[in-house]
Amino acid sequence: MIEKYQKIIKYYGQDNQLNKLVEEMGEFLAELSRNRNGDLNRGKLLEELEDVKICLRQFELMYNVDPFEQAHIRNFKLDRQCQRIDKEILNVNSGHVWK
């Protein structure tokens, strides 16, 4: 599958594909907004999500992103957010609501 991403990057060029990433993110955000406003089109939303994911994978390849480094960062951020939630729950249960 990696060959398909590389073929696209080679054909269109890195600058174009970075612009494409921004464009696809915008389209995803627009569709997400429509869905949040009650105009539910799950198929279109998922299609736009996949466009973003494809472009993000190209980005990872262009910038030699190490998947293990990314997993470490992702886990750190998830753990940190869970700790924040636990702290907020503790504060609410003790009568203090601070964020």
PDB file of N, CA and C in Angstrom:
ATOM      1  N   MET A   1       0.825  -1.204   0.000  1.00  0.00           N
ATOM      2  CA  MET A   1       0.000   0.000   0.000  1.00  0.00           C
ATOM      3  C   MET A   1       0.862   1.258   0.000  1.00  0.00           C
ATOM      4  N   ILE A   2       2.031   1.182   0.630  1.00  0.00           N
ATOM      5  CA  ILE A   2       2.904   2.351   0.717  1.00  0.00           C
ATOM      6  C   ILE A   2       3.287   2.860  -0.673  1.00  0.00           C
ATOM      7  N   GLU A   3       3.364   1.922  -1.620  1.00  0.00           N
ATOM      8  CA  GLU A   3       3.732   2.296  -2.991  1.00  0.00           C
ATOM      9  C   GLU A   3       2.706   3.235  -3.606  1.00  0.00           C
ATOM     10  N   LYS A   4       1.455   3.052  -3.265  1.00  0.00           N
ATOM     11  CA  LYS A   4       0.400   3.921  -3.798  1.00  0.00           C
ATOM     12  C   LYS A   4       0.572   5.350  -3.293  1.00  0.00           C
ATOM     13  N   TYR A   5       0.860   5.486  -1.994  1.00  0.00           N
ATOM     14  CA  TYR A   5       1.096   6.821  -1.433  1.00  0.00           C
ATOM     15  C   TYR A   5       2.295   7.468  -2.101  1.00  0.00           C
ATOM     16  N   GLN A   6       3.376   6.696  -2.237  1.00  0.00           N
ATOM     17  CA  GLN A   6       4.594   7.227  -2.837  1.00  0.00           C
ATOM     18  C   GLN A   6       4.382   7.633  -4.294  1.00  0.00           C
ATOM     19  N   LYS A   7       3.589   6.869  -5.009  1.00  0.00           N
ATOM     20  CA  LYS A   7       3.279   7.195  -6.405  1.00  0.00           C
ATOM     21  C   LYS A   7       2.563   8.544  -6.491  1.00  0.00           C
ATOM     22  N   ILE A   8       1.605   8.754  -5.605  1.00  0.00           N
ATOM     23  CA  ILE A   8       0.846  10.015  -5.582  1.00  0.00           C
ATOM     24  C   ILE A   8       1.770  11.180  -5.252  1.00  0.00           C
ATOM     25  N   ILE A   9       2.617  10.999  -4.224  1.00  0.00           N
ATOM     26  CA  ILE A   9       3.552  12.060  -3.828  1.00  0.00           C
ATOM     27  C   ILE A   9       4.502  12.385  -4.969  1.00  0.00           C
ATOM     28  N   LYS A  10       5.045  11.365  -5.606  1.00  0.00           N
ATOM     29  CA  LYS A  10       6.002  11.570  -6.705  1.00  0.00           C
ATOM     30  C   LYS A  10       5.346  12.274  -7.877  1.00  0.00           C
ATOM     31  N   TYR A  11       4.127  11.894  -8.215  1.00  0.00           N
ATOM     32  CA  TYR A  11       3.445  12.470  -9.364  1.00  0.00           C
ATOM     33  C   TYR A  11       3.056  13.933  -9.143  1.00  0.00           C
ATOM     34  N   TYR A  12       2.437  14.215  -8.005  1.00  0.00           N
ATOM     35  CA  TYR A  12       1.931  15.564  -7.746  1.00  0.00           C
ATOM     36  C   TYR A  12       2.950  16.467  -7.068  1.00  0.00           C
ATOM     37  N   GLY A  13       3.904  15.889  -6.351  1.00  0.00           N
ATOM     38  CA  GLY A  13       4.911  16.676  -5.650  1.00  0.00           C
ATOM     39  C   GLY A  13       4.510  16.944  -4.207  1.00  0.00           C
ATOM     40  N   GLN A  14       5.531  17.124  -3.366  1.00  0.00           N
ATOM     41  CA  GLN A  14       5.286  17.314  -1.931  1.00  0.00           C
ATOM     42  C   GLN A  14       4.519  18.594  -1.638  1.00  0.00           C
ATOM     43  N   ASP A  15       4.897  19.699  -2.269  1.00  0.00           N
ATOM     44  CA  ASP A  15       4.204  20.972  -1.994  1.00  0.00           C
ATOM     45  C   ASP A  15       2.722  20.869  -2.317  1.00  0.00           C
ATOM     46  N   ASN A  16       2.412  20.277  -3.454  1.00  0.00           N
ATOM     47  CA  ASN A  16       1.011  20.130  -3.842  1.00  0.00           C
ATOM     48  C   ASN A  16       0.259  19.256  -2.848  1.00  0.00           C
ATOM     49  N   GLN A  17       0.901  18.183  -2.396  1.00  0.00           N
ATOM     50  CA  GLN A  17       0.215  17.291  -1.474  1.00  0.00           C
ATOM     51  C   GLN A  17       0.046  17.908  -0.092  1.00  0.00           C
ATOM     52  N   LEU A  18       0.956  18.783   0.309  1.00  0.00           N
ATOM     53  CA  LEU A  18       0.754  19.514   1.563  1.00  0.00           C
ATOM     54  C   LEU A  18      -0.429  20.467   1.424  1.00  0.00           C
ATOM     55  N   ASN A  19      -0.541  21.123   0.282  1.00  0.00           N
ATOM     56  CA  ASN A  19      -1.702  21.979   0.024  1.00  0.00           C
ATOM     57  C   ASN A  19      -2.982  21.144   0.007  1.00  0.00           C
ATOM     58  N   LYS A  20      -2.878  19.945  -0.553  1.00  0.00           N
ATOM     59  CA  LYS A  20      -4.031  19.044  -0.606  1.00  0.00           C
ATOM     60  C   LYS A  20      -4.475  18.649   0.802  1.00  0.00           C
ATOM     61  N   LEU A  21      -3.510  18.430   1.692  1.00  0.00           N
ATOM     62  CA  LEU A  21      -3.833  18.108   3.083  1.00  0.00           C
ATOM     63  C   LEU A  21      -4.656  19.227   3.712  1.00  0.00           C
ATOM     64  N   VAL A  22      -4.211  20.460   3.514  1.00  0.00           N
ATOM     65  CA  VAL A  22      -4.944  21.606   4.070  1.00  0.00           C
ATOM     66  C   VAL A  22      -6.354  21.669   3.473  1.00  0.00           C
ATOM     67  N   GLU A  23      -6.453  21.469   2.177  1.00  0.00           N
ATOM     68  CA  GLU A  23      -7.756  21.492   1.498  1.00  0.00           C
ATOM     69  C   GLU A  23      -8.680  20.404   2.045  1.00  0.00           C
ATOM     70  N   GLU A  24      -8.151  19.205   2.167  1.00  0.00           N
ATOM     71  CA  GLU A  24      -8.978  18.092   2.649  1.00  0.00           C
ATOM     72  C   GLU A  24      -9.396  18.283   4.102  1.00  0.00           C
ATOM     73  N   MET A  25      -8.500  18.863   4.910  1.00  0.00           N
ATOM     74  CA  MET A  25      -8.871  19.148   6.299  1.00  0.00           C
ATOM     75  C   MET A  25     -10.012  20.164   6.341  1.00  0.00           C
ATOM     76  N   GLY A  26      -9.954  21.149   5.482  1.00  0.00           N
ATOM     77  CA  GLY A  26     -11.023  22.139   5.407  1.00  0.00           C
ATOM     78  C   GLY A  26     -12.347  21.515   5.008  1.00  0.00           C
ATOM     79  N   GLU A  27     -12.299  20.616   4.021  1.00  0.00           N
ATOM     80  CA  GLU A  27     -13.522  19.940   3.588  1.00  0.00           C
ATOM     81  C   GLU A  27     -14.090  19.059   4.701  1.00  0.00           C
ATOM     82  N   PHE A  28     -13.200  18.400   5.439  1.00  0.00           N
ATOM     83  CA  PHE A  28     -13.658  17.581   6.560  1.00  0.00           C
ATOM     84  C   PHE A  28     -14.310  18.457   7.632  1.00  0.00           C
ATOM     85  N   LEU A  29     -13.668  19.576   7.961  1.00  0.00           N
ATOM     86  CA  LEU A  29     -14.233  20.474   8.971  1.00  0.00           C
ATOM     87  C   LEU A  29     -15.582  21.028   8.541  1.00  0.00           C
ATOM     88  N   ALA A  30     -15.716  21.356   7.260  1.00  0.00           N
ATOM     89  CA  ALA A  30     -16.992  21.872   6.750  1.00  0.00           C
ATOM     90  C   ALA A  30     -18.080  20.800   6.876  1.00  0.00           C
ATOM     91  N   GLU A  31     -17.748  19.571   6.521  1.00  0.00           N
ATOM     92  CA  GLU A  31     -18.731  18.482   6.618  1.00  0.00           C
ATOM     93  C   GLU A  31     -19.071  18.184   8.075  1.00  0.00           C
ATOM     94  N   LEU A  32     -18.074  18.234   8.941  1.00  0.00           N
ATOM     95  CA  LEU A  32     -18.316  18.026  10.373  1.00  0.00           C
ATOM     96  C   LEU A  32     -19.249  19.105  10.911  1.00  0.00           C
ATOM     97  N   SER A  33     -19.044  20.330  10.489  1.00  0.00           N
ATOM     98  CA  SER A  33     -19.919  21.438  10.907  1.00  0.00           C
ATOM     99  C   SER A  33     -21.349  21.202  10.443  1.00  0.00           C
ATOM    100  N   ARG A  34     -21.497  20.792   9.189  1.00  0.00           N
ATOM    101  CA  ARG A  34     -22.851  20.516   8.685  1.00  0.00           C
ATOM    102  C   ARG A  34     -23.512  19.415   9.509  1.00  0.00           C
ATOM    103  N   ASN A  35     -22.759  18.371   9.836  1.00  0.00           N
ATOM    104  CA  ASN A  35     -23.304  17.275  10.632  1.00  0.00           C
ATOM    105  C   ASN A  35     -23.694  17.744  12.018  1.00  0.00           C
ATOM    106  N   ARG A  36     -22.887  18.606  12.622  1.00  0.00           N
ATOM    107  CA  ARG A  36     -23.199  19.116  13.963  1.00  0.00           C
ATOM    108  C   ARG A  36     -24.424  20.020  13.940  1.00  0.00           C
ATOM    109  N   ASN A  37     -24.694  20.626  12.793  1.00  0.00           N
ATOM    110  CA  ASN A  37     -25.849  21.516  12.662  1.00  0.00           C
ATOM    111  C   ASN A  37     -27.104  20.766  12.230  1.00  0.00           C
ATOM    112  N   GLY A  38     -27.053  19.445  12.261  1.00  0.00           N
ATOM    113  CA  GLY A  38     -28.244  18.656  11.989  1.00  0.00           C
ATOM    114  C   GLY A  38     -28.361  18.135  10.574  1.00  0.00           C
ATOM    115  N   ASP A  39     -27.434  18.487   9.693  1.00  0.00           N
ATOM    116  CA  ASP A  39     -27.472  18.020   8.309  1.00  0.00           C
ATOM    117  C   ASP A  39     -26.618  16.757   8.216  1.00  0.00           C
ATOM    118  N   LEU A  40     -27.128  15.659   8.785  1.00  0.00           N
ATOM    119  CA  LEU A  40     -26.349  14.432   8.918  1.00  0.00           C
ATOM    120  C   LEU A  40     -26.207  13.715   7.581  1.00  0.00           C
ATOM    121  N   ASN A  41     -24.951  13.561   7.158  1.00  0.00           N
ATOM    122  CA  ASN A  41     -24.614  12.763   5.984  1.00  0.00           C
ATOM    123  C   ASN A  41     -23.386  11.952   6.370  1.00  0.00           C
ATOM    124  N   ARG A  42     -23.618  10.855   7.053  1.00  0.00           N
ATOM    125  CA  ARG A  42     -22.537  10.041   7.601  1.00  0.00           C
ATOM    126  C   ARG A  42     -21.571   9.582   6.520  1.00  0.00           C
ATOM    127  N   GLY A  43     -22.106   9.191   5.373  1.00  0.00           N
ATOM    128  CA  GLY A  43     -21.261   8.720   4.275  1.00  0.00           C
ATOM    129  C   GLY A  43     -20.291   9.784   3.805  1.00  0.00           C
ATOM    130  N   LYS A  44     -20.788  10.996   3.642  1.00  0.00           N
ATOM    131  CA  LYS A  44     -19.934  12.107   3.195  1.00  0.00           C
ATOM    132  C   LYS A  44     -18.897  12.436   4.256  1.00  0.00           C
ATOM    133  N   LEU A  45     -19.295  12.420   5.515  1.00  0.00           N
ATOM    134  CA  LEU A  45     -18.369  12.699   6.610  1.00  0.00           C
ATOM    135  C   LEU A  45     -17.233  11.676   6.634  1.00  0.00           C
ATOM    136  N   LEU A  46     -17.573  10.399   6.494  1.00  0.00           N
ATOM    137  CA  LEU A  46     -16.554   9.353   6.489  1.00  0.00           C
ATOM    138  C   LEU A  46     -15.653   9.450   5.269  1.00  0.00           C
ATOM    139  N   GLU A  47     -16.214   9.830   4.140  1.00  0.00           N
ATOM    140  CA  GLU A  47     -15.419  10.023   2.923  1.00  0.00           C
ATOM    141  C   GLU A  47     -14.391  11.131   3.126  1.00  0.00           C
ATOM    142  N   GLU A  48     -14.819  12.241   3.711  1.00  0.00           N
ATOM    143  CA  GLU A  48     -13.900  13.353   3.966  1.00  0.00           C
ATOM    144  C   GLU A  48     -12.848  12.962   4.997  1.00  0.00           C
ATOM    145  N   LEU A  49     -13.245  12.175   6.000  1.00  0.00           N
ATOM    146  CA  LEU A  49     -12.294  11.695   6.991  1.00  0.00           C
ATOM    147  C   LEU A  49     -11.211  10.849   6.328  1.00  0.00           C
ATOM    148  N   GLU A  50     -11.604   9.973   5.423  1.00  0.00           N
ATOM    149  CA  GLU A  50     -10.618   9.138   4.726  1.00  0.00           C
ATOM    150  C   GLU A  50      -9.689   9.977   3.854  1.00  0.00           C
ATOM    151  N   ASP A  51     -10.212  11.012   3.214  1.00  0.00           N
ATOM    152  CA  ASP A  51      -9.352  11.909   2.433  1.00  0.00           C
ATOM    153  C   ASP A  51      -8.270  12.518   3.316  1.00  0.00           C
ATOM    154  N   VAL A  52      -8.668  12.957   4.512  1.00  0.00           N
ATOM    155  CA  VAL A  52      -7.700  13.544   5.455  1.00  0.00           C
ATOM    156  C   VAL A  52      -6.686  12.485   5.880  1.00  0.00           C
ATOM    157  N   LYS A  53      -7.151  11.290   6.193  1.00  0.00           N
ATOM    158  CA  LYS A  53      -6.243  10.230   6.642  1.00  0.00           C
ATOM    159  C   LYS A  53      -5.242   9.848   5.548  1.00  0.00           C
ATOM    160  N   ILE A  54      -5.695   9.823   4.312  1.00  0.00           N
ATOM    161  CA  ILE A  54      -4.789   9.536   3.188  1.00  0.00           C
ATOM    162  C   ILE A  54      -3.714  10.620   3.094  1.00  0.00           C
ATOM    163  N   CYS A  55      -4.132  11.868   3.185  1.00  0.00           N
ATOM    164  CA  CYS A  55      -3.174  12.978   3.112  1.00  0.00           C
ATOM    165  C   CYS A  55      -2.235  12.977   4.316  1.00  0.00           C
ATOM    166  N   LEU A  56      -2.754  12.645   5.483  1.00  0.00           N
ATOM    167  CA  LEU A  56      -1.890  12.565   6.671  1.00  0.00           C
ATOM    168  C   LEU A  56      -0.850  11.461   6.522  1.00  0.00           C
ATOM    169  N   ARG A  57      -1.239  10.345   5.930  1.00  0.00           N
ATOM    170  CA  ARG A  57      -0.273   9.261   5.706  1.00  0.00           C
ATOM    171  C   ARG A  57       0.821   9.714   4.743  1.00  0.00           C
ATOM    172  N   GLN A  58       0.440  10.474   3.723  1.00  0.00           N
ATOM    173  CA  GLN A  58       1.443  11.022   2.808  1.00  0.00           C
ATOM    174  C   GLN A  58       2.385  11.958   3.556  1.00  0.00           C
ATOM    175  N   PHE A  59       1.822  12.781   4.433  1.00  0.00           N
ATOM    176  CA  PHE A  59       2.627  13.684   5.254  1.00  0.00           C
ATOM    177  C   PHE A  59       3.640  12.894   6.075  1.00  0.00           C
ATOM    178  N   GLU A  60       3.177  11.818   6.704  1.00  0.00           N
ATOM    179  CA  GLU A  60       4.068  10.985   7.510  1.00  0.00           C
ATOM    180  C   GLU A  60       5.221  10.433   6.675  1.00  0.00           C
ATOM    181  N   LEU A  61       4.923  10.024   5.457  1.00  0.00           N
ATOM    182  CA  LEU A  61       5.970   9.499   4.578  1.00  0.00           C
ATOM    183  C   LEU A  61       6.930  10.602   4.132  1.00  0.00           C
ATOM    184  N   MET A  62       6.407  11.759   3.781  1.00  0.00           N
ATOM    185  CA  MET A  62       7.245  12.863   3.325  1.00  0.00           C
ATOM    186  C   MET A  62       8.194  13.345   4.416  1.00  0.00           C
ATOM    187  N   TYR A  63       7.740  13.286   5.660  1.00  0.00           N
ATOM    188  CA  TYR A  63       8.538  13.796   6.783  1.00  0.00           C
ATOM    189  C   TYR A  63       9.166  12.678   7.615  1.00  0.00           C
ATOM    190  N   ASN A  64       9.175  11.476   7.056  1.00  0.00           N
ATOM    191  CA  ASN A  64       9.800  10.327   7.727  1.00  0.00           C
ATOM    192  C   ASN A  64       9.375  10.206   9.192  1.00  0.00           C
ATOM    193  N   VAL A  65       8.085  10.265   9.406  1.00  0.00           N
ATOM    194  CA  VAL A  65       7.547  10.161  10.759  1.00  0.00           C
ATOM    195  C   VAL A  65       7.688   8.722  11.235  1.00  0.00           C
ATOM    196  N   ASP A  66       8.292   8.558  12.389  1.00  0.00           N
ATOM    197  CA  ASP A  66       8.490   7.241  12.989  1.00  0.00           C
ATOM    198  C   ASP A  66       7.201   6.837  13.701  1.00  0.00           C
ATOM    199  N   PRO A  67       6.562   5.735  13.281  1.00  0.00           N
ATOM    200  CA  PRO A  67       5.293   5.338  13.905  1.00  0.00           C
ATOM    201  C   PRO A  67       5.427   5.018  15.393  1.00  0.00           C
ATOM    202  N   PHE A  68       6.581   4.538  15.816  1.00  0.00           N
ATOM    203  CA  PHE A  68       6.776   4.243  17.239  1.00  0.00           C
ATOM    204  C   PHE A  68       6.876   5.535  18.045  1.00  0.00           C
ATOM    205  N   GLU A  69       7.541   6.532  17.471  1.00  0.00           N
ATOM    206  CA  GLU A  69       7.609   7.847  18.127  1.00  0.00           C
ATOM    207  C   GLU A  69       6.211   8.449  18.221  1.00  0.00           C
ATOM    208  N   GLN A  70       5.450   8.325  17.145  1.00  0.00           N
ATOM    209  CA  GLN A  70       4.083   8.843  17.152  1.00  0.00           C
ATOM    210  C   GLN A  70       3.223   8.123  18.180  1.00  0.00           C
ATOM    211  N   ALA A  71       3.383   6.812  18.282  1.00  0.00           N
ATOM    212  CA  ALA A  71       2.607   6.043  19.265  1.00  0.00           C
ATOM    213  C   ALA A  71       2.963   6.488  20.676  1.00  0.00           C
ATOM    214  N   HIS A  72       4.231   6.747  20.911  1.00  0.00           N
ATOM    215  CA  HIS A  72       4.669   7.214  22.224  1.00  0.00           C
ATOM    216  C   HIS A  72       4.034   8.572  22.550  1.00  0.00           C
ATOM    217  N   ILE A  73       4.072   9.481  21.593  1.00  0.00           N
ATOM    218  CA  ILE A  73       3.475  10.811  21.792  1.00  0.00           C
ATOM    219  C   ILE A  73       1.968  10.692  22.013  1.00  0.00           C
ATOM    220  N   ARG A  74       1.314   9.852  21.196  1.00  0.00           N
ATOM    221  CA  ARG A  74      -0.138   9.666  21.323  1.00  0.00           C
ATOM    222  C   ARG A  74      -0.493   9.115  22.698  1.00  0.00           C
ATOM    223  N   ASN A  75       0.244   8.101  23.145  1.00  0.00           N
ATOM    224  CA  ASN A  75      -0.022   7.521  24.467  1.00  0.00           C
ATOM    225  C   ASN A  75       0.216   8.530  25.583  1.00  0.00           C
ATOM    226  N   PHE A  76       1.283   9.326  25.465  1.00  0.00           N
ATOM    227  CA  PHE A  76       1.555  10.366  26.453  1.00  0.00           C
ATOM    228  C   PHE A  76       0.384  11.339  26.531  1.00  0.00           C
ATOM    229  N   LYS A  77      -0.095  11.787  25.379  1.00  0.00           N
ATOM    230  CA  LYS A  77      -1.195  12.757  25.351  1.00  0.00           C
ATOM    231  C   LYS A  77      -2.494  12.157  25.883  1.00  0.00           C
ATOM    232  N   LEU A  78      -2.766  10.893  25.551  1.00  0.00           N
ATOM    233  CA  LEU A  78      -3.966  10.233  26.070  1.00  0.00           C
ATOM    234  C   LEU A  78      -3.889  10.072  27.581  1.00  0.00           C
ATOM    235  N   ASP A  79      -2.725   9.638  28.066  1.00  0.00           N
ATOM    236  CA  ASP A  79      -2.547   9.494  29.517  1.00  0.00           C
ATOM    237  C   ASP A  79      -2.719  10.834  30.221  1.00  0.00           C
ATOM    238  N   ARG A  80      -2.126  11.883  29.663  1.00  0.00           N
ATOM    239  CA  ARG A  80      -2.210  13.205  30.272  1.00  0.00           C
ATOM    240  C   ARG A  80      -3.660  13.676  30.348  1.00  0.00           C
ATOM    241  N   GLN A  81      -4.421  13.451  29.276  1.00  0.00           N
ATOM    242  CA  GLN A  81      -5.819  13.883  29.282  1.00  0.00           C
ATOM    243  C   GLN A  81      -6.633  13.088  30.285  1.00  0.00           C
ATOM    244  N   CYS A  82      -6.369  11.790  30.385  1.00  0.00           N
ATOM    245  CA  CYS A  82      -7.077  10.961  31.376  1.00  0.00           C
ATOM    246  C   CYS A  82      -6.750  11.416  32.795  1.00  0.00           C
ATOM    247  N   GLN A  83      -5.512  11.807  33.028  1.00  0.00           N
ATOM    248  CA  GLN A  83      -5.134  12.332  34.342  1.00  0.00           C
ATOM    249  C   GLN A  83      -5.877  13.636  34.632  1.00  0.00           C
ATOM    250  N   ARG A  84      -6.022  14.479  33.628  1.00  0.00           N
ATOM    251  CA  ARG A  84      -6.776  15.725  33.810  1.00  0.00           C
ATOM    252  C   ARG A  84      -8.229  15.428  34.167  1.00  0.00           C
ATOM    253  N   ILE A  85      -8.812  14.450  33.480  1.00  0.00           N
ATOM    254  CA  ILE A  85     -10.200  14.068  33.763  1.00  0.00           C
ATOM    255  C   ILE A  85     -10.323  13.552  35.188  1.00  0.00           C
ATOM    256  N   ASP A  86      -9.396  12.682  35.579  1.00  0.00           N
ATOM    257  CA  ASP A  86      -9.421  12.150  36.944  1.00  0.00           C
ATOM    258  C   ASP A  86      -9.328  13.277  37.970  1.00  0.00           C
ATOM    259  N   LYS A  87      -8.485  14.258  37.703  1.00  0.00           N
ATOM    260  CA  LYS A  87      -8.335  15.396  38.609  1.00  0.00           C
ATOM    261  C   LYS A  87      -9.620  16.216  38.672  1.00  0.00           C
ATOM    262  N   GLU A  88     -10.252  16.429  37.523  1.00  0.00           N
ATOM    263  CA  GLU A  88     -11.509  17.173  37.502  1.00  0.00           C
ATOM    264  C   GLU A  88     -12.602  16.430  38.263  1.00  0.00           C
ATOM    265  N   ILE A  89     -12.670  15.123  38.090  1.00  0.00           N
ATOM    266  CA  ILE A  89     -13.672  14.321  38.802  1.00  0.00           C
ATOM    267  C   ILE A  89     -13.430  14.404  40.306  1.00  0.00           C
ATOM    268  N   LEU A  90     -12.176  14.318  40.698  1.00  0.00           N
ATOM    269  CA  LEU A  90     -11.825  14.425  42.107  1.00  0.00           C
ATOM    270  C   LEU A  90     -12.232  15.792  42.661  1.00  0.00           C
ATOM    271  N   ASN A  91     -11.970  16.848  41.891  1.00  0.00           N
ATOM    272  CA  ASN A  91     -12.331  18.199  42.334  1.00  0.00           C
ATOM    273  C   ASN A  91     -13.843  18.374  42.437  1.00  0.00           C
ATOM    274  N   VAL A  92     -14.580  17.832  41.481  1.00  0.00           N
ATOM    275  CA  VAL A  92     -16.047  17.930  41.513  1.00  0.00           C
ATOM    276  C   VAL A  92     -16.572  17.169  42.730  1.00  0.00           C
ATOM    277  N   ASN A  93     -16.054  15.984  42.966  1.00  0.00           N
ATOM    278  CA  ASN A  93     -16.531  15.161  44.084  1.00  0.00           C
ATOM    279  C   ASN A  93     -16.162  15.754  45.438  1.00  0.00           C
ATOM    280  N   SER A  94     -15.121  16.570  45.471  1.00  0.00           N
ATOM    281  CA  SER A  94     -14.732  17.183  46.740  1.00  0.00           C
ATOM    282  C   SER A  94     -15.355  18.572  46.910  1.00  0.00           C
ATOM    283  N   GLY A  95     -16.184  18.957  45.940  1.00  0.00           N
ATOM    284  CA  GLY A  95     -16.862  20.246  46.029  1.00  0.00           C
ATOM    285  C   GLY A  95     -16.105  21.386  45.370  1.00  0.00           C
ATOM    286  N   HIS A  96     -14.934  21.139  44.837  1.00  0.00           N
ATOM    287  CA  HIS A  96     -14.161  22.156  44.143  1.00  0.00           C
ATOM    288  C   HIS A  96     -14.253  21.926  42.650  1.00  0.00           C
ATOM    289  N   VAL A  97     -14.622  22.948  41.929  1.00  0.00           N
ATOM    290  CA  VAL A  97     -14.699  22.835  40.481  1.00  0.00           C
ATOM    291  C   VAL A  97     -13.716  23.842  39.900  1.00  0.00           C
ATOM    292  N   TRP A  98     -12.497  23.370  39.631  1.00  0.00           N
ATOM    293  CA  TRP A  98     -11.479  24.208  39.009  1.00  0.00           C
ATOM    294  C   TRP A  98     -10.969  23.487  37.784  1.00  0.00           C
ATOM    295  N   LYS A  99     -10.582  24.253  36.852  1.00  0.00           N
ATOM    296  CA  LYS A  99     -10.032  23.639  35.627  1.00  0.00           C
ATOM    297  C   LYS A  99      -8.732  24.317  35.288  1.00  0.00           C
TER     298      LYS A  99
END
